[in-house]
Amino acid sequence: MINDPHIYVNEDYFVYTTGLEIQNAPQTQGNIKNIFIRGPDALTNFEGECWPGNSVWIDYLNTNAQDFWGSLYLRSNFVGSNYLYGTWNDMNEPSVFNSDYNGMPMNNTHIQTDGTIVQHRWVHNAYGALMHRASWRGLYTRDSG
């Protein structure tokens, strides 16, 4: 299975709609549940083009987004699979097609769980590692239960 951090913007795609539900739910101070990277205004989700078309990207700097990503590995999401299936994380530069930046704009924003806003330029080189950590935690939880 190939995992990409870009999520297809489509009301019929459960990963997108579930992420939006979590992100748009009432938030408590000190536990912000930001799921998708925001644009420079830190208010609206950044949308760009990638393999599925118009996409948003997981904000792995937010631990709630990491947990959301990890939950996608639950066996209930892979009916008919077994413990032998593997994963390959890809496109986590992160890749954005048709961009003036040849990737994620550096002035996009991440919102940490404590509410701190961080520009993408400060986490760009860590983004792939953050995706790997969230994926590993999800697989570990799946296989430990």
C-alpha atoms as a PDB file:
ATOM      1  CA  MET A   1       0.000   0.000   0.000  1.00  0.00           C
ATOM      2  CA  ILE A   2       1.384   3.412  -0.940  1.00  0.00           C
ATOM      3  CA  ASN A   3       0.547   6.206   1.519  1.00  0.00           C
ATOM      4  CA  ASP A   4       0.697   9.814   0.428  1.00  0.00           C
ATOM      5  CA  PRO A   5       0.142  12.791   2.768  1.00  0.00           C
ATOM      6  CA  HIS A   6      -2.118  14.587   0.302  1.00  0.00           C
ATOM      7  CA  ILE A   7      -5.801  13.921   0.810  1.00  0.00           C
ATOM      8  CA  TYR A   8      -8.319  14.195  -2.021  1.00  0.00           C
ATOM      9  CA  VAL A   9     -10.755  17.069  -1.426  1.00  0.00           C
ATOM     10  CA  ASN A  10     -14.014  15.233  -1.985  1.00  0.00           C
ATOM     11  CA  GLU A  11     -17.112  15.078   0.212  1.00  0.00           C
ATOM     12  CA  ASP A  12     -17.402  11.358  -0.611  1.00  0.00           C
ATOM     13  CA  TYR A  13     -13.899  10.508   0.661  1.00  0.00           C
ATOM     14  CA  PHE A  14     -13.996   9.421   4.306  1.00  0.00           C
ATOM     15  CA  VAL A  15     -10.414  10.476   5.069  1.00  0.00           C
ATOM     16  CA  TYR A  16     -11.164  14.041   3.995  1.00  0.00           C
ATOM     17  CA  THR A  17     -14.582  14.314   5.636  1.00  0.00           C
ATOM     18  CA  THR A  18     -13.461  12.693   8.899  1.00  0.00           C
ATOM     19  CA  GLY A  19     -10.433  15.000   9.041  1.00  0.00           C
ATOM     20  CA  LEU A  20     -12.680  18.027   8.502  1.00  0.00           C
ATOM     21  CA  GLU A  21     -15.102  16.850  11.210  1.00  0.00           C
ATOM     22  CA  ILE A  22     -12.268  16.560  13.719  1.00  0.00           C
ATOM     23  CA  GLN A  23     -10.711  19.867  12.699  1.00  0.00           C
ATOM     24  CA  ASN A  24     -14.019  21.773  12.703  1.00  0.00           C
ATOM     25  CA  ALA A  25     -15.305  20.349  15.996  1.00  0.00           C
ATOM     26  CA  PRO A  26     -15.248  22.587  19.078  1.00  0.00           C
ATOM     27  CA  GLN A  27     -11.649  22.929  20.266  1.00  0.00           C
ATOM     28  CA  THR A  28     -10.331  23.154  23.805  1.00  0.00           C
ATOM     29  CA  GLN A  29      -7.470  25.420  24.757  1.00  0.00           C
ATOM     30  CA  GLY A  30      -4.236  23.467  24.768  1.00  0.00           C
ATOM     31  CA  ASN A  31      -5.671  20.660  22.617  1.00  0.00           C
ATOM     32  CA  ILE A  32      -6.132  22.098  19.135  1.00  0.00           C
ATOM     33  CA  LYS A  33      -7.072  19.409  16.621  1.00  0.00           C
ATOM     34  CA  ASN A  34      -5.684  20.767  13.376  1.00  0.00           C
ATOM     35  CA  ILE A  35      -5.664  18.006  10.774  1.00  0.00           C
ATOM     36  CA  PHE A  36      -4.713  19.791   7.545  1.00  0.00           C
ATOM     37  CA  ILE A  37      -1.966  22.302   6.738  1.00  0.00           C
ATOM     38  CA  ARG A  38      -3.341  25.821   6.458  1.00  0.00           C
ATOM     39  CA  GLY A  39      -2.533  28.600   4.031  1.00  0.00           C
ATOM     40  CA  PRO A  40      -0.512  31.684   5.023  1.00  0.00           C
ATOM     41  CA  ASP A  41      -3.556  33.149   6.822  1.00  0.00           C
ATOM     42  CA  ALA A  42      -3.606  30.157   9.237  1.00  0.00           C
ATOM     43  CA  LEU A  43      -7.406  30.107   8.809  1.00  0.00           C
ATOM     44  CA  THR A  44      -8.162  28.174   5.637  1.00  0.00           C
ATOM     45  CA  ASN A  45      -6.855  24.790   4.561  1.00  0.00           C
ATOM     46  CA  PHE A  46      -4.174  24.960   1.900  1.00  0.00           C
ATOM     47  CA  GLU A  47      -5.428  23.256  -1.258  1.00  0.00           C
ATOM     48  CA  GLY A  48      -3.233  22.293  -4.177  1.00  0.00           C
ATOM     49  CA  GLU A  49      -2.871  19.746  -6.935  1.00  0.00           C
ATOM     50  CA  CYS A  50      -1.413  16.266  -6.503  1.00  0.00           C
ATOM     51  CA  TRP A  51      -2.167  12.771  -7.826  1.00  0.00           C
ATOM     52  CA  PRO A  52      -5.858  12.619  -6.886  1.00  0.00           C
ATOM     53  CA  GLY A  53      -6.545  16.204  -8.018  1.00  0.00           C
ATOM     54  CA  ASN A  54      -7.387  19.027  -5.620  1.00  0.00           C
ATOM     55  CA  SER A  55      -5.856  18.014  -2.297  1.00  0.00           C
ATOM     56  CA  VAL A  56      -5.093  19.035   1.277  1.00  0.00           C
ATOM     57  CA  TRP A  57      -2.090  17.821   3.305  1.00  0.00           C
ATOM     58  CA  ILE A  58      -1.928  16.287   6.773  1.00  0.00           C
ATOM     59  CA  ASP A  59      -0.418  18.601   9.418  1.00  0.00           C
ATOM     60  CA  TYR A  60       1.927  16.096  11.063  1.00  0.00           C
ATOM     61  CA  LEU A  61       3.270  18.799  13.380  1.00  0.00           C
ATOM     62  CA  ASN A  62      -0.022  18.522  15.278  1.00  0.00           C
ATOM     63  CA  THR A  63      -0.130  15.410  17.478  1.00  0.00           C
ATOM     64  CA  ASN A  64      -3.890  15.076  16.957  1.00  0.00           C
ATOM     65  CA  ALA A  65      -3.287  14.917  13.196  1.00  0.00           C
ATOM     66  CA  GLN A  66      -0.607  12.291  13.834  1.00  0.00           C
ATOM     67  CA  ASP A  67      -3.141  10.263  15.829  1.00  0.00           C
ATOM     68  CA  PHE A  68      -5.743  10.677  13.080  1.00  0.00           C
ATOM     69  CA  TRP A  69      -3.233   9.474  10.481  1.00  0.00           C
ATOM     70  CA  GLY A  70      -2.258   6.530  12.656  1.00  0.00           C
ATOM     71  CA  SER A  71      -5.916   5.545  13.089  1.00  0.00           C
ATOM     72  CA  LEU A  72      -6.195   5.084   9.325  1.00  0.00           C
ATOM     73  CA  TYR A  73      -4.064   1.928   9.677  1.00  0.00           C
ATOM     74  CA  LEU A  74      -6.661   0.106  11.782  1.00  0.00           C
ATOM     75  CA  ARG A  75      -7.571  -3.271  10.346  1.00  0.00           C
ATOM     76  CA  SER A  76     -11.204  -2.174  10.090  1.00  0.00           C
ATOM     77  CA  ASN A  77     -10.085   0.143   7.257  1.00  0.00           C
ATOM     78  CA  PHE A  78      -8.530  -2.793   5.376  1.00  0.00           C
ATOM     79  CA  VAL A  79     -11.220  -5.453   5.173  1.00  0.00           C
ATOM     80  CA  GLY A  80      -9.783  -8.708   3.847  1.00  0.00           C
ATOM     81  CA  SER A  81      -6.180  -7.883   4.712  1.00  0.00           C
ATOM     82  CA  ASN A  82      -3.970  -9.567   7.289  1.00  0.00           C
ATOM     83  CA  TYR A  83      -0.833  -8.849   9.298  1.00  0.00           C
ATOM     84  CA  LEU A  84       1.373  -9.337   6.225  1.00  0.00           C
ATOM     85  CA  TYR A  85       0.361  -6.206   4.347  1.00  0.00           C
ATOM     86  CA  GLY A  86       2.971  -3.475   4.311  1.00  0.00           C
ATOM     87  CA  THR A  87       3.124   0.215   3.626  1.00  0.00           C
ATOM     88  CA  TRP A  88       5.265   2.613   1.665  1.00  0.00           C
ATOM     89  CA  ASN A  89       5.212   6.306   2.571  1.00  0.00           C
ATOM     90  CA  ASP A  90       5.670   8.453  -0.517  1.00  0.00           C
ATOM     91  CA  MET A  91       5.372  12.024  -1.834  1.00  0.00           C
ATOM     92  CA  ASN A  92       6.248  13.514   1.559  1.00  0.00           C
ATOM     93  CA  GLU A  93       8.594  16.227   0.319  1.00  0.00           C
ATOM     94  CA  PRO A  94       5.656  17.252   0.388  1.00  0.00           C
ATOM     95  CA  SER A  95       4.875  17.252  -3.317  1.00  0.00           C
ATOM     96  CA  VAL A  96       2.481  19.835  -4.728  1.00  0.00           C
ATOM     97  CA  PHE A  97       1.987  19.913  -8.497  1.00  0.00           C
ATOM     98  CA  ASN A  98       1.523  23.109 -10.512  1.00  0.00           C
ATOM     99  CA  SER A  99       3.029  25.183  -7.730  1.00  0.00           C
ATOM    100  CA  ASP A 100       5.256  28.235  -8.075  1.00  0.00           C
ATOM    101  CA  TYR A 101       7.281  26.698  -5.260  1.00  0.00           C
ATOM    102  CA  ASN A 102       7.812  23.213  -6.737  1.00  0.00           C
ATOM    103  CA  GLY A 103       6.294  21.888  -3.551  1.00  0.00           C
ATOM    104  CA  MET A 104       4.588  23.125  -0.422  1.00  0.00           C
ATOM    105  CA  PRO A 105       4.645  26.943  -0.154  1.00  0.00           C
ATOM    106  CA  MET A 106       7.005  27.885   2.656  1.00  0.00           C
ATOM    107  CA  ASN A 107       4.593  30.457   4.102  1.00  0.00           C
ATOM    108  CA  ASN A 108       1.847  27.875   4.680  1.00  0.00           C
ATOM    109  CA  THR A 109       1.112  27.249   8.332  1.00  0.00           C
ATOM    110  CA  HIS A 110       0.955  24.357  10.764  1.00  0.00           C
ATOM    111  CA  ILE A 111      -0.964  24.626  14.018  1.00  0.00           C
ATOM    112  CA  GLN A 112       0.461  22.670  16.906  1.00  0.00           C
ATOM    113  CA  THR A 113      -1.716  21.083  19.575  1.00  0.00           C
ATOM    114  CA  ASP A 114      -0.987  23.969  21.971  1.00  0.00           C
ATOM    115  CA  GLY A 115      -2.162  26.472  19.326  1.00  0.00           C
ATOM    116  CA  THR A 116       1.297  27.658  18.274  1.00  0.00           C
ATOM    117  CA  ILE A 117       1.374  28.601  14.588  1.00  0.00           C
ATOM    118  CA  VAL A 118       4.520  27.541  12.716  1.00  0.00           C
ATOM    119  CA  GLN A 119       5.332  28.382   9.104  1.00  0.00           C
ATOM    120  CA  HIS A 120       6.054  25.423   6.865  1.00  0.00           C
ATOM    121  CA  ARG A 121       9.556  26.754   6.159  1.00  0.00           C
ATOM    122  CA  TRP A 122      10.566  25.692   9.686  1.00  0.00           C
ATOM    123  CA  VAL A 123       9.360  22.096   9.365  1.00  0.00           C
ATOM    124  CA  HIS A 124       9.763  21.408   5.646  1.00  0.00           C
ATOM    125  CA  ASN A 125      12.794  19.152   6.097  1.00  0.00           C
ATOM    126  CA  ALA A 126      11.159  17.315   9.018  1.00  0.00           C
ATOM    127  CA  TYR A 127       7.813  16.725   7.278  1.00  0.00           C
ATOM    128  CA  GLY A 128       8.708  13.291   5.893  1.00  0.00           C
ATOM    129  CA  ALA A 129      10.109  12.127   9.233  1.00  0.00           C
ATOM    130  CA  LEU A 130       6.941  13.314  10.992  1.00  0.00           C
ATOM    131  CA  MET A 131       4.857  11.322   8.513  1.00  0.00           C
ATOM    132  CA  HIS A 132       6.981   8.226   9.147  1.00  0.00           C
ATOM    133  CA  ARG A 133       6.596   8.606  12.916  1.00  0.00           C
ATOM    134  CA  ALA A 134       2.806   8.931  12.656  1.00  0.00           C
ATOM    135  CA  SER A 135       2.665   5.925  10.325  1.00  0.00           C
ATOM    136  CA  TRP A 136       4.867   3.813  12.596  1.00  0.00           C
ATOM    137  CA  ARG A 137       2.740   4.671  15.627  1.00  0.00           C
ATOM    138  CA  GLY A 138      -0.415   3.701  13.759  1.00  0.00           C
ATOM    139  CA  LEU A 139       1.077   0.396  12.630  1.00  0.00           C
ATOM    140  CA  TYR A 140       2.426  -0.308  16.121  1.00  0.00           C
ATOM    141  CA  THR A 141      -0.984   0.348  17.664  1.00  0.00           C
ATOM    142  CA  ARG A 142      -2.664  -1.824  15.031  1.00  0.00           C
ATOM    143  CA  ASP A 143      -0.276  -4.735  15.549  1.00  0.00           C
ATOM    144  CA  SER A 144      -0.135  -4.501  19.349  1.00  0.00           C
ATOM    145  CA  GLY A 145      -3.878  -4.816  19.885  1.00  0.00           C
END
